[in-house]
Amino acid sequence: MARDGEVVRRGWALEAIATPGHTANHMAYALKGTDILFSGDHVMAWATSVVAPPDGAMNDYMNSLYKLGAREESVYFPGHGGAIHDARRFVRYYIEHRRGREASILHRLAKSAADIPTLVRAIYIGLDPRLIGAAGLSVLAHLEDLVARGLVATDGAPSISGNYRLAG
């Protein structure tokens, strides 16, 4: 596996870009000399990636989105869905979407302490029941990040079965 910044040459050149978050070891690849980036599962065309602890981490995911958003490539080929044109705008949308989820979690916790199933029901209105587990893992990833930043508190380490409240 290539390391971050490493370039593999075979008549073409691919630059490896470490994009942890969706998974700890996720990589994207830029096709050097073009406007193309292979974004894998980090930026998909049809939905935001699930960030599922313990392998996924929201802080890493967001930092990787910022990293990609600062790059020049404008066309992404994701692991799922078709080509993404105007990729920088698309990445900005993903960042805004995740910040919106974070704000929704904080807004709900401002009312009272809650567990993850309560947060999922409050935030994901009309969610297909088959996606509740994935939504719960994404909420957990947000909560891990919010606890690490001192905005949310829980007893013990953040977990899927934890109860969460605003810190302070």
Protein backbone atom coordinates (compact mmCIF):
# COMPACT_ATOMS: atom_id res chain seq x y z
CA MET A 1 0.00 0.00 0.00
CA ALA A 2 1.24 3.45 -0.85
CA ARG A 3 1.94 6.06 1.83
CA ASP A 4 0.52 9.60 1.93
CA GLY A 5 2.20 11.71 -0.76
CA GLU A 6 3.91 8.75 -2.41
CA VAL A 7 3.70 8.73 -6.22
CA VAL A 8 3.46 5.45 -8.11
CA ARG A 9 4.60 5.64 -11.77
CA ARG A 10 3.73 3.09 -14.44
CA GLY A 11 3.46 5.17 -17.65
CA TRP A 12 0.96 7.16 -15.60
CA ALA A 13 1.41 8.53 -12.11
CA LEU A 14 -0.88 8.16 -9.10
CA GLU A 15 -0.36 10.23 -5.98
CA ALA A 16 -1.50 8.50 -2.77
CA ILE A 17 -3.53 10.70 -0.43
CA ALA A 18 -4.23 9.46 3.09
CA THR A 19 -7.90 10.14 3.84
CA PRO A 20 -8.66 8.43 7.14
CA GLY A 21 -12.06 8.80 8.70
CA HIS A 22 -14.44 6.43 6.93
CA THR A 23 -11.84 3.85 7.91
CA ALA A 24 -8.51 4.38 9.63
CA ASN A 25 -6.47 3.35 6.58
CA HIS A 26 -8.55 4.87 3.76
CA MET A 27 -6.65 6.25 0.77
CA ALA A 28 -7.62 8.34 -2.25
CA TYR A 29 -5.50 8.61 -5.38
CA ALA A 30 -4.92 11.57 -7.71
CA LEU A 31 -4.07 10.86 -11.34
CA LYS A 32 -1.12 13.20 -11.83
CA GLY A 33 -1.28 15.55 -14.80
CA THR A 34 -5.10 15.44 -14.82
CA ASP A 35 -7.99 16.89 -12.86
CA ILE A 36 -9.03 13.43 -11.59
CA LEU A 37 -9.09 11.99 -8.09
CA PHE A 38 -10.24 8.49 -7.16
CA SER A 39 -12.01 9.16 -3.87
CA GLY A 40 -12.95 5.59 -2.92
CA ASP A 41 -15.52 5.54 -0.12
CA HIS A 42 -14.45 8.84 1.41
CA VAL A 43 -16.53 10.94 -0.98
CA MET A 44 -19.29 8.98 -2.67
CA ALA A 45 -21.68 10.30 -5.32
CA TRP A 46 -24.95 9.18 -3.78
CA ALA A 47 -24.60 9.66 0.00
CA THR A 48 -22.15 10.65 2.70
CA SER A 49 -19.94 7.86 3.98
CA VAL A 50 -20.75 6.04 7.16
CA VAL A 51 -18.15 6.81 9.78
CA ALA A 52 -18.35 3.81 12.09
CA PRO A 53 -16.19 3.59 15.21
CA PRO A 54 -13.89 2.06 16.21
CA ASP A 55 -12.26 1.96 12.74
CA GLY A 56 -13.85 5.23 11.59
CA ALA A 57 -13.37 8.56 13.36
CA MET A 58 -15.30 11.78 12.68
CA ASN A 59 -12.39 14.12 13.44
CA ASP A 60 -10.22 12.23 10.93
CA TYR A 61 -13.06 12.18 8.40
CA MET A 62 -13.58 15.94 8.64
CA ASN A 63 -9.83 16.65 8.43
CA SER A 64 -9.64 14.46 5.32
CA LEU A 65 -12.56 16.35 3.76
CA TYR A 66 -10.75 19.64 4.41
CA LYS A 67 -7.59 18.13 2.92
CA LEU A 68 -9.40 17.08 -0.27
CA GLY A 69 -11.25 20.39 -0.45
CA ALA A 70 -7.93 22.23 -0.57
CA ARG A 71 -6.70 20.19 -3.54
CA GLU A 72 -7.06 21.21 -7.19
CA GLU A 73 -8.81 18.14 -8.65
CA SER A 74 -12.33 18.93 -9.86
CA VAL A 75 -13.54 15.48 -10.94
CA TYR A 76 -13.81 12.61 -8.47
CA PHE A 77 -14.45 9.00 -9.31
CA PRO A 78 -15.86 7.44 -6.12
CA GLY A 79 -16.11 3.81 -5.16
CA HIS A 80 -19.92 4.17 -5.32
CA GLY A 81 -21.93 6.23 -7.80
CA GLY A 82 -20.97 8.13 -10.91
CA ALA A 83 -18.40 10.81 -11.52
CA ILE A 84 -18.58 13.89 -9.31
CA HIS A 85 -17.99 17.12 -11.21
CA ASP A 86 -17.20 20.37 -9.37
CA ALA A 87 -15.75 18.21 -6.61
CA ARG A 88 -14.62 21.09 -4.41
CA ARG A 89 -18.21 22.36 -4.16
CA PHE A 90 -19.35 18.78 -3.47
CA VAL A 91 -16.79 18.42 -0.66
CA ARG A 92 -17.95 21.75 0.84
CA TYR A 93 -21.49 20.35 0.86
CA TYR A 94 -20.27 17.24 2.70
CA ILE A 95 -18.55 19.43 5.30
CA GLU A 96 -21.68 21.54 5.76
CA HIS A 97 -23.81 18.39 6.01
CA ARG A 98 -21.63 16.94 8.78
CA ARG A 99 -21.52 20.25 10.65
CA GLY A 100 -25.31 20.31 10.39
CA ARG A 101 -25.53 16.83 11.93
CA GLU A 102 -23.25 17.99 14.73
CA ALA A 103 -25.45 21.04 15.32
CA SER A 104 -28.55 18.82 15.41
CA ILE A 105 -26.96 16.58 18.05
CA LEU A 106 -26.01 19.58 20.18
CA HIS A 107 -29.48 21.11 19.74
CA ARG A 108 -31.17 17.88 20.90
CA LEU A 109 -28.79 17.50 23.86
CA ALA A 110 -29.55 21.10 24.90
CA LYS A 111 -33.07 19.85 25.71
CA SER A 112 -31.94 16.91 27.87
CA ALA A 113 -29.52 14.02 28.07
CA ALA A 114 -30.14 11.29 25.52
CA ASP A 115 -28.92 7.94 24.29
CA ILE A 116 -28.06 7.23 20.67
CA PRO A 117 -31.44 5.69 19.68
CA THR A 118 -33.17 8.85 20.98
CA LEU A 119 -30.76 11.06 19.05
CA VAL A 120 -31.23 9.05 15.86
CA ARG A 121 -35.04 9.33 16.11
CA ALA A 122 -34.78 13.11 16.68
CA ILE A 123 -32.25 13.80 13.92
CA TYR A 124 -33.03 11.32 11.13
CA ILE A 125 -36.71 12.00 10.50
CA GLY A 126 -38.27 9.47 8.12
CA LEU A 127 -35.16 7.29 8.02
CA ASP A 128 -35.54 3.90 6.35
CA PRO A 129 -35.53 1.45 9.30
CA ARG A 130 -32.81 -0.59 7.57
CA LEU A 131 -30.44 2.38 8.02
CA ILE A 132 -30.98 2.96 11.75
CA GLY A 133 -27.87 0.98 12.74
CA ALA A 134 -25.63 2.92 10.33
CA ALA A 135 -27.14 6.22 11.53
CA GLY A 136 -26.43 5.20 15.13
CA LEU A 137 -22.79 4.54 14.30
CA SER A 138 -22.47 7.94 12.60
CA VAL A 139 -24.02 9.60 15.65
CA LEU A 140 -21.54 7.71 17.85
CA ALA A 141 -18.67 9.00 15.67
CA HIS A 142 -19.96 12.57 16.10
CA LEU A 143 -20.34 12.04 19.85
CA GLU A 144 -16.79 10.67 20.20
CA ASP A 145 -15.54 13.84 18.51
CA LEU A 146 -17.78 16.12 20.60
CA VAL A 147 -16.65 14.42 23.83
CA ALA A 148 -12.98 14.75 22.78
CA ARG A 149 -13.55 18.47 22.12
CA GLY A 150 -15.20 18.92 25.54
CA LEU A 151 -18.64 19.88 24.19
CA VAL A 152 -20.46 16.72 25.25
CA ALA A 153 -20.06 14.50 28.31
CA THR A 154 -20.85 10.87 29.03
CA ASP A 155 -20.00 8.47 31.83
CA GLY A 156 -16.93 6.52 30.81
CA ALA A 157 -15.74 6.24 27.23
CA PRO A 158 -18.22 7.04 24.46
CA SER A 159 -20.08 3.90 23.41
CA ILE A 160 -23.13 2.91 21.41
CA SER A 161 -24.98 2.24 24.69
CA GLY A 162 -23.90 5.46 26.41
CA ASN A 163 -26.04 8.35 27.62
CA TYR A 164 -24.89 11.80 26.52
CA ARG A 165 -25.36 15.35 27.80
CA LEU A 166 -23.92 18.76 27.08
CA ALA A 167 -20.69 19.33 28.99
CA GLY A 168 -20.48 21.93 31.66
